[in-house]
Amino acid sequence: YSLPNAPTLADLEDDAEEANENQPEKPHFDSRSVLFE
């Protein structure tokens, strides 16, 4: 949003969701991952 202190995609990070045996580690919206469409 075009408002000051508005949320970003990085604010949606949920570190509680970790990788398990059947699924690899999910990407992150912050600088830990780089995402291209």
PDB file of all heavy atoms in Angstrom:
ATOM      1  N   TYR A   1       0.844  -1.185   0.000  1.00  0.00           N
ATOM      2  CA  TYR A   1       0.000   0.000   0.000  1.00  0.00           C
ATOM      3  C   TYR A   1       0.887   1.245   0.000  1.00  0.00           C
ATOM      4  O   TYR A   1       2.058   1.181   0.361  1.00  0.00           O
ATOM      5  CB  TYR A   1      -0.924   0.019   1.223  1.00  0.00           C
ATOM      6  CG  TYR A   1      -1.749  -1.234   1.373  1.00  0.00           C
ATOM      7  CD1 TYR A   1      -1.329  -2.261   2.220  1.00  0.00           C
ATOM      8  CD2 TYR A   1      -2.935  -1.405   0.664  1.00  0.00           C
ATOM      9  CE1 TYR A   1      -2.076  -3.426   2.356  1.00  0.00           C
ATOM     10  CE2 TYR A   1      -3.686  -2.573   0.790  1.00  0.00           C
ATOM     11  CZ  TYR A   1      -3.251  -3.569   1.640  1.00  0.00           C
ATOM     12  OH  TYR A   1      -3.985  -4.704   1.760  1.00  0.00           O
ATOM     13  N   SER A   2       0.332   2.327  -0.427  1.00  0.00           N
ATOM     14  CA  SER A   2       1.102   3.575  -0.498  1.00  0.00           C
ATOM     15  C   SER A   2       1.021   4.355   0.807  1.00  0.00           C
ATOM     16  O   SER A   2       1.034   5.574   0.811  1.00  0.00           O
ATOM     17  CB  SER A   2       0.567   4.433  -1.650  1.00  0.00           C
ATOM     18  OG  SER A   2      -0.813   4.718  -1.453  1.00  0.00           O
ATOM     19  N   LEU A   3       0.926   3.654   1.912  1.00  0.00           N
ATOM     20  CA  LEU A   3       0.842   4.290   3.217  1.00  0.00           C
ATOM     21  C   LEU A   3       2.128   4.054   3.986  1.00  0.00           C
ATOM     22  O   LEU A   3       2.789   3.016   3.818  1.00  0.00           O
ATOM     23  CB  LEU A   3      -0.350   3.729   4.014  1.00  0.00           C
ATOM     24  CG  LEU A   3      -1.736   3.917   3.392  1.00  0.00           C
ATOM     25  CD1 LEU A   3      -2.772   3.192   4.236  1.00  0.00           C
ATOM     26  CD2 LEU A   3      -2.082   5.394   3.297  1.00  0.00           C
ATOM     27  N   PRO A   4       2.516   4.975   4.841  1.00  0.00           N
ATOM     28  CA  PRO A   4       3.713   4.744   5.662  1.00  0.00           C
ATOM     29  C   PRO A   4       3.489   3.596   6.641  1.00  0.00           C
ATOM     30  O   PRO A   4       2.383   3.399   7.164  1.00  0.00           O
ATOM     31  CB  PRO A   4       3.897   6.078   6.404  1.00  0.00           C
ATOM     32  CG  PRO A   4       2.555   6.732   6.358  1.00  0.00           C
ATOM     33  CD  PRO A   4       1.904   6.303   5.081  1.00  0.00           C
ATOM     34  N   ASN A   5       4.545   2.819   6.822  1.00  0.00           N
ATOM     35  CA  ASN A   5       4.501   1.663   7.733  1.00  0.00           C
ATOM     36  C   ASN A   5       3.468   0.621   7.311  1.00  0.00           C
ATOM     37  O   ASN A   5       2.952  -0.136   8.142  1.00  0.00           O
ATOM     38  CB  ASN A   5       4.206   2.110   9.174  1.00  0.00           C
ATOM     39  CG  ASN A   5       5.249   3.070   9.693  1.00  0.00           C
ATOM     40  OD1 ASN A   5       6.437   2.942   9.383  1.00  0.00           O
ATOM     41  ND2 ASN A   5       4.811   4.043  10.485  1.00  0.00           N
ATOM     42  N   ALA A   6       3.145   0.592   6.023  1.00  0.00           N
ATOM     43  CA  ALA A   6       2.203  -0.406   5.527  1.00  0.00           C
ATOM     44  C   ALA A   6       2.883  -1.777   5.479  1.00  0.00           C
ATOM     45  O   ALA A   6       4.110  -1.875   5.373  1.00  0.00           O
ATOM     46  CB  ALA A   6       1.698  -0.005   4.140  1.00  0.00           C
ATOM     47  N   PRO A   7       2.128  -2.879   5.569  1.00  0.00           N
ATOM     48  CA  PRO A   7       2.736  -4.218   5.566  1.00  0.00           C
ATOM     49  C   PRO A   7       3.351  -4.554   4.215  1.00  0.00           C
ATOM     50  O   PRO A   7       2.901  -4.076   3.169  1.00  0.00           O
ATOM     51  CB  PRO A   7       1.552  -5.141   5.884  1.00  0.00           C
ATOM     52  CG  PRO A   7       0.343  -4.374   5.467  1.00  0.00           C
ATOM     53  CD  PRO A   7       0.660  -2.931   5.718  1.00  0.00           C
ATOM     54  N   THR A   8       4.359  -5.385   4.243  1.00  0.00           N
ATOM     55  CA  THR A   8       5.019  -5.868   3.046  1.00  0.00           C
ATOM     56  C   THR A   8       4.884  -7.383   2.979  1.00  0.00           C
ATOM     57  O   THR A   8       4.383  -8.022   3.918  1.00  0.00           O
ATOM     58  CB  THR A   8       6.502  -5.482   3.041  1.00  0.00           C
ATOM     59  OG1 THR A   8       7.133  -6.128   4.154  1.00  0.00           O
ATOM     60  CG2 THR A   8       6.670  -3.970   3.164  1.00  0.00           C
ATOM     61  N   LEU A   9       5.358  -7.970   1.863  1.00  0.00           N
ATOM     62  CA  LEU A   9       5.312  -9.427   1.746  1.00  0.00           C
ATOM     63  C   LEU A   9       6.174 -10.090   2.813  1.00  0.00           C
ATOM     64  O   LEU A   9       5.851 -11.177   3.295  1.00  0.00           O
ATOM     65  CB  LEU A   9       5.795  -9.838   0.354  1.00  0.00           C
ATOM     66  CG  LEU A   9       4.838  -9.549  -0.809  1.00  0.00           C
ATOM     67  CD1 LEU A   9       5.500  -9.910  -2.131  1.00  0.00           C
ATOM     68  CD2 LEU A   9       3.539 -10.322  -0.646  1.00  0.00           C
ATOM     69  N   ALA A  10       7.244  -9.429   3.192  1.00  0.00           N
ATOM     70  CA  ALA A  10       8.121  -9.998   4.224  1.00  0.00           C
ATOM     71  C   ALA A  10       7.414 -10.118   5.572  1.00  0.00           C
ATOM     72  O   ALA A  10       7.764 -10.971   6.392  1.00  0.00           O
ATOM     73  CB  ALA A  10       9.380  -9.153   4.362  1.00  0.00           C
ATOM     74  N   ASP A  11       6.414  -9.272   5.802  1.00  0.00           N
ATOM     75  CA  ASP A  11       5.670  -9.347   7.061  1.00  0.00           C
ATOM     76  C   ASP A  11       4.785 -10.579   7.144  1.00  0.00           C
ATOM     77  O   ASP A  11       4.261 -10.910   8.218  1.00  0.00           O
ATOM     78  CB  ASP A  11       4.804  -8.088   7.230  1.00  0.00           C
ATOM     79  CG  ASP A  11       5.659  -6.838   7.368  1.00  0.00           C
ATOM     80  OD1 ASP A  11       6.751  -6.932   7.951  1.00  0.00           O
ATOM     81  OD2 ASP A  11       5.232  -5.764   6.878  1.00  0.00           O
ATOM     82  N   LEU A  12       4.597 -11.267   6.027  1.00  0.00           N
ATOM     83  CA  LEU A  12       3.753 -12.460   6.012  1.00  0.00           C
ATOM     84  C   LEU A  12       4.519 -13.720   6.368  1.00  0.00           C
ATOM     85  O   LEU A  12       3.955 -14.809   6.352  1.00  0.00           O
ATOM     86  CB  LEU A  12       3.118 -12.633   4.622  1.00  0.00           C
ATOM     87  CG  LEU A  12       2.228 -11.480   4.141  1.00  0.00           C
ATOM     88  CD1 LEU A  12       1.750 -11.745   2.714  1.00  0.00           C
ATOM     89  CD2 LEU A  12       1.030 -11.299   5.062  1.00  0.00           C
ATOM     90  N   GLU A  13       5.800 -13.584   6.665  1.00  0.00           N
ATOM     91  CA  GLU A  13       6.616 -14.744   6.974  1.00  0.00           C
ATOM     92  C   GLU A  13       6.107 -15.444   8.226  1.00  0.00           C
ATOM     93  O   GLU A  13       5.769 -14.809   9.219  1.00  0.00           O
ATOM     94  CB  GLU A  13       8.077 -14.326   7.182  1.00  0.00           C
ATOM     95  CG  GLU A  13       8.799 -13.994   5.894  1.00  0.00           C
ATOM     96  CD  GLU A  13       8.928 -15.196   4.981  1.00  0.00           C
ATOM     97  OE1 GLU A  13       9.019 -16.333   5.482  1.00  0.00           O
ATOM     98  OE2 GLU A  13       8.926 -15.004   3.752  1.00  0.00           O
ATOM     99  N   ASP A  14       6.045 -16.766   8.136  1.00  0.00           N
ATOM    100  CA  ASP A  14       5.645 -17.584   9.275  1.00  0.00           C
ATOM    101  C   ASP A  14       6.728 -18.633   9.481  1.00  0.00           C
ATOM    102  O   ASP A  14       6.768 -19.659   8.810  1.00  0.00           O
ATOM    103  CB  ASP A  14       4.289 -18.262   9.006  1.00  0.00           C
ATOM    104  CG  ASP A  14       3.763 -19.004  10.227  1.00  0.00           C
ATOM    105  OD1 ASP A  14       4.399 -18.910  11.292  1.00  0.00           O
ATOM    106  OD2 ASP A  14       2.719 -19.674  10.115  1.00  0.00           O
ATOM    107  N   ASP A  15       7.630 -18.357  10.406  1.00  0.00           N
ATOM    108  CA  ASP A  15       8.747 -19.265  10.644  1.00  0.00           C
ATOM    109  C   ASP A  15       8.307 -20.571  11.297  1.00  0.00           C
ATOM    110  O   ASP A  15       9.084 -21.511  11.394  1.00  0.00           O
ATOM    111  CB  ASP A  15       9.802 -18.598  11.521  1.00  0.00           C
ATOM    112  CG  ASP A  15      10.473 -17.426  10.804  1.00  0.00           C
ATOM    113  OD1 ASP A  15      10.532 -17.473   9.555  1.00  0.00           O
ATOM    114  OD2 ASP A  15      10.904 -16.471  11.484  1.00  0.00           O
ATOM    115  N   ALA A  16       7.059 -20.618  11.745  1.00  0.00           N
ATOM    116  CA  ALA A  16       6.585 -21.860  12.364  1.00  0.00           C
ATOM    117  C   ALA A  16       6.425 -22.972  11.332  1.00  0.00           C
ATOM    118  O   ALA A  16       6.461 -24.149  11.664  1.00  0.00           O
ATOM    119  CB  ALA A  16       5.249 -21.615  13.067  1.00  0.00           C
ATOM    120  N   GLU A  17       6.242 -22.590  10.055  1.00  0.00           N
ATOM    121  CA  GLU A  17       6.069 -23.586   9.006  1.00  0.00           C
ATOM    122  C   GLU A  17       7.448 -23.982   8.480  1.00  0.00           C
ATOM    123  O   GLU A  17       8.019 -23.339   7.616  1.00  0.00           O
ATOM    124  CB  GLU A  17       5.204 -23.036   7.878  1.00  0.00           C
ATOM    125  CG  GLU A  17       3.788 -22.720   8.301  1.00  0.00           C
ATOM    126  CD  GLU A  17       2.958 -22.235   7.122  1.00  0.00           C
ATOM    127  OE1 GLU A  17       3.503 -22.190   5.990  1.00  0.00           O
ATOM    128  OE2 GLU A  17       1.781 -21.919   7.329  1.00  0.00           O
ATOM    129  N   GLU A  18       7.996 -25.022   9.023  1.00  0.00           N
ATOM    130  CA  GLU A  18       9.305 -25.495   8.602  1.00  0.00           C
ATOM    131  C   GLU A  18       9.145 -26.673   7.646  1.00  0.00           C
ATOM    132  O   GLU A  18       8.073 -27.255   7.504  1.00  0.00           O
ATOM    133  CB  GLU A  18      10.123 -25.920   9.834  1.00  0.00           C
ATOM    134  CG  GLU A  18      10.405 -24.768  10.784  1.00  0.00           C
ATOM    135  CD  GLU A  18      11.291 -23.698  10.170  1.00  0.00           C
ATOM    136  OE1 GLU A  18      12.014 -24.014   9.207  1.00  0.00           O
ATOM    137  OE2 GLU A  18      11.255 -22.550  10.658  1.00  0.00           O
ATOM    138  N   ALA A  19      10.232 -27.018   7.005  1.00  0.00           N
ATOM    139  CA  ALA A  19      10.208 -28.131   6.056  1.00  0.00           C
ATOM    140  C   ALA A  19      10.062 -29.451   6.798  1.00  0.00           C
ATOM    141  O   ALA A  19      10.531 -29.617   7.922  1.00  0.00           O
ATOM    142  CB  ALA A  19      11.498 -28.135   5.236  1.00  0.00           C
ATOM    143  N   ASN A  20       9.400 -30.404   6.155  1.00  0.00           N
ATOM    144  CA  ASN A  20       9.285 -31.740   6.707  1.00  0.00           C
ATOM    145  C   ASN A  20       9.902 -32.739   5.739  1.00  0.00           C
ATOM    146  O   ASN A  20      10.498 -32.367   4.735  1.00  0.00           O
ATOM    147  CB  ASN A  20       7.812 -32.082   6.990  1.00  0.00           C
ATOM    148  CG  ASN A  20       6.924 -31.842   5.780  1.00  0.00           C
ATOM    149  OD1 ASN A  20       7.270 -32.243   4.664  1.00  0.00           O
ATOM    150  ND2 ASN A  20       5.791 -31.183   5.998  1.00  0.00           N
ATOM    151  N   GLU A  21       9.737 -34.019   6.062  1.00  0.00           N
ATOM    152  CA  GLU A  21      10.376 -35.048   5.255  1.00  0.00           C
ATOM    153  C   GLU A  21       9.786 -35.102   3.849  1.00  0.00           C
ATOM    154  O   GLU A  21      10.485 -35.432   2.896  1.00  0.00           O
ATOM    155  CB  GLU A  21      10.227 -36.399   5.948  1.00  0.00           C
ATOM    156  CG  GLU A  21      10.936 -36.464   7.295  1.00  0.00           C
ATOM    157  CD  GLU A  21      10.749 -37.808   7.966  1.00  0.00           C
ATOM    158  OE1 GLU A  21      10.001 -38.638   7.396  1.00  0.00           O
ATOM    159  OE2 GLU A  21      11.331 -38.022   9.034  1.00  0.00           O
ATOM    160  N   ASN A  22       8.496 -34.836   3.709  1.00  0.00           N
ATOM    161  CA  ASN A  22       7.832 -34.964   2.420  1.00  0.00           C
ATOM    162  C   ASN A  22       7.829 -33.676   1.610  1.00  0.00           C
ATOM    163  O   ASN A  22       7.454 -33.696   0.442  1.00  0.00           O
ATOM    164  CB  ASN A  22       6.381 -35.428   2.631  1.00  0.00           C
ATOM    165  CG  ASN A  22       6.302 -36.763   3.338  1.00  0.00           C
ATOM    166  OD1 ASN A  22       7.141 -37.637   3.112  1.00  0.00           O
ATOM    167  ND2 ASN A  22       5.304 -36.920   4.204  1.00  0.00           N
ATOM    168  N   GLN A  23       8.202 -32.581   2.184  1.00  0.00           N
ATOM    169  CA  GLN A  23       8.137 -31.278   1.500  1.00  0.00           C
ATOM    170  C   GLN A  23       9.397 -30.486   1.792  1.00  0.00           C
ATOM    171  O   GLN A  23       9.826 -30.387   2.940  1.00  0.00           O
ATOM    172  CB  GLN A  23       6.903 -30.500   1.983  1.00  0.00           C
ATOM    173  CG  GLN A  23       6.613 -29.257   1.151  1.00  0.00           C
ATOM    174  CD  GLN A  23       5.842 -29.555  -0.113  1.00  0.00           C
ATOM    175  OE1 GLN A  23       6.022 -30.598  -0.703  1.00  0.00           O
ATOM    176  NE2 GLN A  23       4.988 -28.644  -0.525  1.00  0.00           N
ATOM    177  N   PRO A  24      10.014 -29.919   0.750  1.00  0.00           N
ATOM    178  CA  PRO A  24      11.210 -29.104   0.984  1.00  0.00           C
ATOM    179  C   PRO A  24      10.863 -27.802   1.687  1.00  0.00           C
ATOM    180  O   PRO A  24       9.693 -27.425   1.819  1.00  0.00           O
ATOM    181  CB  PRO A  24      11.741 -28.848  -0.437  1.00  0.00           C
ATOM    182  CG  PRO A  24      10.548 -29.021  -1.317  1.00  0.00           C
ATOM    183  CD  PRO A  24       9.681 -30.047  -0.663  1.00  0.00           C
ATOM    184  N   GLU A  25      11.895 -27.113   2.120  1.00  0.00           N
ATOM    185  CA  GLU A  25      11.685 -25.842   2.812  1.00  0.00           C
ATOM    186  C   GLU A  25      11.049 -24.821   1.881  1.00  0.00           C
ATOM    187  O   GLU A  25      11.458 -24.667   0.733  1.00  0.00           O
ATOM    188  CB  GLU A  25      13.023 -25.303   3.314  1.00  0.00           C
ATOM    189  CG  GLU A  25      12.895 -23.995   4.084  1.00  0.00           C
ATOM    190  CD  GLU A  25      14.238 -23.438   4.492  1.00  0.00           C
ATOM    191  OE1 GLU A  25      15.255 -24.112   4.219  1.00  0.00           O
ATOM    192  OE2 GLU A  25      14.270 -22.333   5.078  1.00  0.00           O
ATOM    193  N   LYS A  26      10.041 -24.147   2.383  1.00  0.00           N
ATOM    194  CA  LYS A  26       9.301 -23.200   1.556  1.00  0.00           C
ATOM    195  C   LYS A  26      10.110 -21.920   1.349  1.00  0.00           C
ATOM    196  O   LYS A  26      10.930 -21.545   2.192  1.00  0.00           O
ATOM    197  CB  LYS A  26       7.952 -22.876   2.208  1.00  0.00           C
ATOM    198  CG  LYS A  26       7.014 -24.063   2.265  1.00  0.00           C
ATOM    199  CD  LYS A  26       5.665 -23.696   2.844  1.00  0.00           C
ATOM    200  CE  LYS A  26       4.733 -24.904   2.867  1.00  0.00           C
ATOM    201  NZ  LYS A  26       3.397 -24.564   3.414  1.00  0.00           N
ATOM    202  N   PRO A  27       9.868 -21.246   0.224  1.00  0.00           N
ATOM    203  CA  PRO A  27      10.575 -19.976  -0.020  1.00  0.00           C
ATOM    204  C   PRO A  27      10.157 -18.915   0.986  1.00  0.00           C
ATOM    205  O   PRO A  27       9.124 -19.015   1.659  1.00  0.00           O
ATOM    206  CB  PRO A  27      10.121 -19.601  -1.442  1.00  0.00           C
ATOM    207  CG  PRO A  27       9.610 -20.864  -2.049  1.00  0.00           C
ATOM    208  CD  PRO A  27       9.048 -21.661  -0.924  1.00  0.00           C
ATOM    209  N   HIS A  28      10.975 -17.885   1.072  1.00  0.00           N
ATOM    210  CA  HIS A  28      10.715 -16.772   1.973  1.00  0.00           C
ATOM    211  C   HIS A  28      10.530 -15.497   1.167  1.00  0.00           C
ATOM    212  O   HIS A  28      11.162 -15.302   0.126  1.00  0.00           O
ATOM    213  CB  HIS A  28      11.860 -16.600   2.975  1.00  0.00           C
ATOM    214  CG  HIS A  28      12.110 -17.813   3.815  1.00  0.00           C
ATOM    215  ND1 HIS A  28      11.347 -18.131   4.914  1.00  0.00           N
ATOM    216  CD2 HIS A  28      13.036 -18.798   3.706  1.00  0.00           C
ATOM    217  CE1 HIS A  28      11.789 -19.252   5.453  1.00  0.00           C
ATOM    218  NE2 HIS A  28      12.814 -19.682   4.738  1.00  0.00           N
ATOM    219  N   PHE A  29       9.667 -14.622   1.658  1.00  0.00           N
ATOM    220  CA  PHE A  29       9.436 -13.345   0.988  1.00  0.00           C
ATOM    221  C   PHE A  29      10.538 -12.329   1.297  1.00  0.00           C
ATOM    222  O   PHE A  29      10.653 -11.325   0.609  1.00  0.00           O
ATOM    223  CB  PHE A  29       8.078 -12.765   1.402  1.00  0.00           C
ATOM    224  CG  PHE A  29       6.909 -13.536   0.837  1.00  0.00           C
ATOM    225  CD1 PHE A  29       6.059 -14.232   1.669  1.00  0.00           C
ATOM    226  CD2 PHE A  29       6.653 -13.536  -0.526  1.00  0.00           C
ATOM    227  CE1 PHE A  29       4.975 -14.934   1.150  1.00  0.00           C
ATOM    228  CE2 PHE A  29       5.580 -14.230  -1.052  1.00  0.00           C
ATOM    229  CZ  PHE A  29       4.735 -14.940  -0.213  1.00  0.00           C
ATOM    230  N   ASP A  30      11.312 -12.598   2.345  1.00  0.00           N
ATOM    231  CA  ASP A  30      12.367 -11.646   2.697  1.00  0.00           C
ATOM    232  C   ASP A  30      13.644 -11.970   1.924  1.00  0.00           C
ATOM    233  O   ASP A  30      13.627 -12.723   0.939  1.00  0.00           O
ATOM    234  CB  ASP A  30      12.593 -11.646   4.211  1.00  0.00           C
ATOM    235  CG  ASP A  30      12.876 -13.035   4.747  1.00  0.00           C
ATOM    236  OD1 ASP A  30      13.337 -13.895   3.959  1.00  0.00           O
ATOM    237  OD2 ASP A  30      12.643 -13.289   5.947  1.00  0.00           O
ATOM    238  N   SER A  31      14.760 -11.431   2.362  1.00  0.00           N
ATOM    239  CA  SER A  31      16.015 -11.548   1.629  1.00  0.00           C
ATOM    240  C   SER A  31      16.607 -12.954   1.642  1.00  0.00           C
ATOM    241  O   SER A  31      17.598 -13.209   0.949  1.00  0.00           O
ATOM    242  CB  SER A  31      17.039 -10.561   2.203  1.00  0.00           C
ATOM    243  OG  SER A  31      17.262 -10.824   3.588  1.00  0.00           O
ATOM    244  N   ARG A  32      16.020 -13.875   2.412  1.00  0.00           N
ATOM    245  CA  ARG A  32      16.540 -15.236   2.426  1.00  0.00           C
ATOM    246  C   ARG A  32      16.321 -15.952   1.097  1.00  0.00           C
ATOM    247  O   ARG A  32      17.011 -16.923   0.782  1.00  0.00           O
ATOM    248  CB  ARG A  32      15.893 -16.026   3.564  1.00  0.00           C
ATOM    249  CG  ARG A  32      16.388 -15.654   4.940  1.00  0.00           C
ATOM    250  CD  ARG A  32      15.637 -16.392   6.026  1.00  0.00           C
ATOM    251  NE  ARG A  32      14.258 -15.931   6.158  1.00  0.00           N
ATOM    252  CZ  ARG A  32      13.377 -16.445   7.017  1.00  0.00           C
ATOM    253  NH1 ARG A  32      13.738 -17.458   7.794  1.00  0.00           N
ATOM    254  NH2 ARG A  32      12.151 -15.954   7.100  1.00  0.00           N
ATOM    255  N   SER A  33      15.329 -15.517   0.320  1.00  0.00           N
ATOM    256  CA  SER A  33      15.051 -16.101  -0.988  1.00  0.00           C
ATOM    257  C   SER A  33      14.926 -14.992  -2.023  1.00  0.00           C
ATOM    258  O   SER A  33      14.590 -13.851  -1.688  1.00  0.00           O
ATOM    259  CB  SER A  33      13.746 -16.923  -0.957  1.00  0.00           C
ATOM    260  OG  SER A  33      13.807 -17.966  -0.009  1.00  0.00           O
ATOM    261  N   VAL A  34      15.195 -15.345  -3.279  1.00  0.00           N
ATOM    262  CA  VAL A  34      15.025 -14.421  -4.394  1.00  0.00           C
ATOM    263  C   VAL A  34      14.009 -15.044  -5.337  1.00  0.00           C
ATOM    264  O   VAL A  34      14.180 -16.190  -5.775  1.00  0.00           O
ATOM    265  CB  VAL A  34      16.353 -14.142  -5.118  1.00  0.00           C
ATOM    266  CG1 VAL A  34      16.158 -13.025  -6.139  1.00  0.00           C
ATOM    267  CG2 VAL A  34      17.428 -13.795  -4.130  1.00  0.00           C
ATOM    268  N   LEU A  35      12.941 -14.307  -5.639  1.00  0.00           N
ATOM    269  CA  LEU A  35      11.787 -14.841  -6.367  1.00  0.00           C
ATOM    270  C   LEU A  35      11.595 -14.100  -7.677  1.00  0.00           C
ATOM    271  O   LEU A  35      11.543 -12.870  -7.700  1.00  0.00           O
ATOM    272  CB  LEU A  35      10.524 -14.721  -5.507  1.00  0.00           C
ATOM    273  CG  LEU A  35      10.676 -15.052  -4.013  1.00  0.00           C
ATOM    274  CD1 LEU A  35       9.433 -14.635  -3.245  1.00  0.00           C
ATOM    275  CD2 LEU A  35      10.950 -16.544  -3.835  1.00  0.00           C
ATOM    276  N   PHE A  36      11.455 -14.861  -8.772  1.00  0.00           N
ATOM    277  CA  PHE A  36      11.213 -14.276 -10.091  1.00  0.00           C
ATOM    278  C   PHE A  36       9.977 -14.933 -10.707  1.00  0.00           C
ATOM    279  O   PHE A  36       9.811 -16.158 -10.630  1.00  0.00           O
ATOM    280  CB  PHE A  36      12.421 -14.464 -11.006  1.00  0.00           C
ATOM    281  CG  PHE A  36      13.641 -13.718 -10.554  1.00  0.00           C
ATOM    282  CD1 PHE A  36      14.603 -14.353  -9.780  1.00  0.00           C
ATOM    283  CD2 PHE A  36      13.822 -12.393 -10.893  1.00  0.00           C
ATOM    284  CE1 PHE A  36      15.727 -13.670  -9.352  1.00  0.00           C
ATOM    285  CE2 PHE A  36      14.946 -11.691 -10.469  1.00  0.00           C
ATOM    286  CZ  PHE A  36      15.897 -12.337  -9.688  1.00  0.00           C
ATOM    287  N   GLU A  37       9.136 -14.117 -11.302  1.00  0.00           N
ATOM    288  CA  GLU A  37       7.863 -14.590 -11.850  1.00  0.00           C
ATOM    289  C   GLU A  37       8.056 -15.180 -13.239  1.00  0.00           C
ATOM    290  O   GLU A  37       8.450 -14.490 -14.176  1.00  0.00           O
ATOM    291  CB  GLU A  37       6.853 -13.443 -11.903  1.00  0.00           C
ATOM    292  CG  GLU A  37       5.492 -13.847 -12.450  1.00  0.00           C
ATOM    293  CD  GLU A  37       4.521 -12.675 -12.524  1.00  0.00           C
ATOM    294  OE1 GLU A  37       4.568 -11.819 -11.610  1.00  0.00           O
ATOM    295  OE2 GLU A  37       3.756 -12.590 -13.485  1.00  0.00           O
TER     296      GLU A  37
END
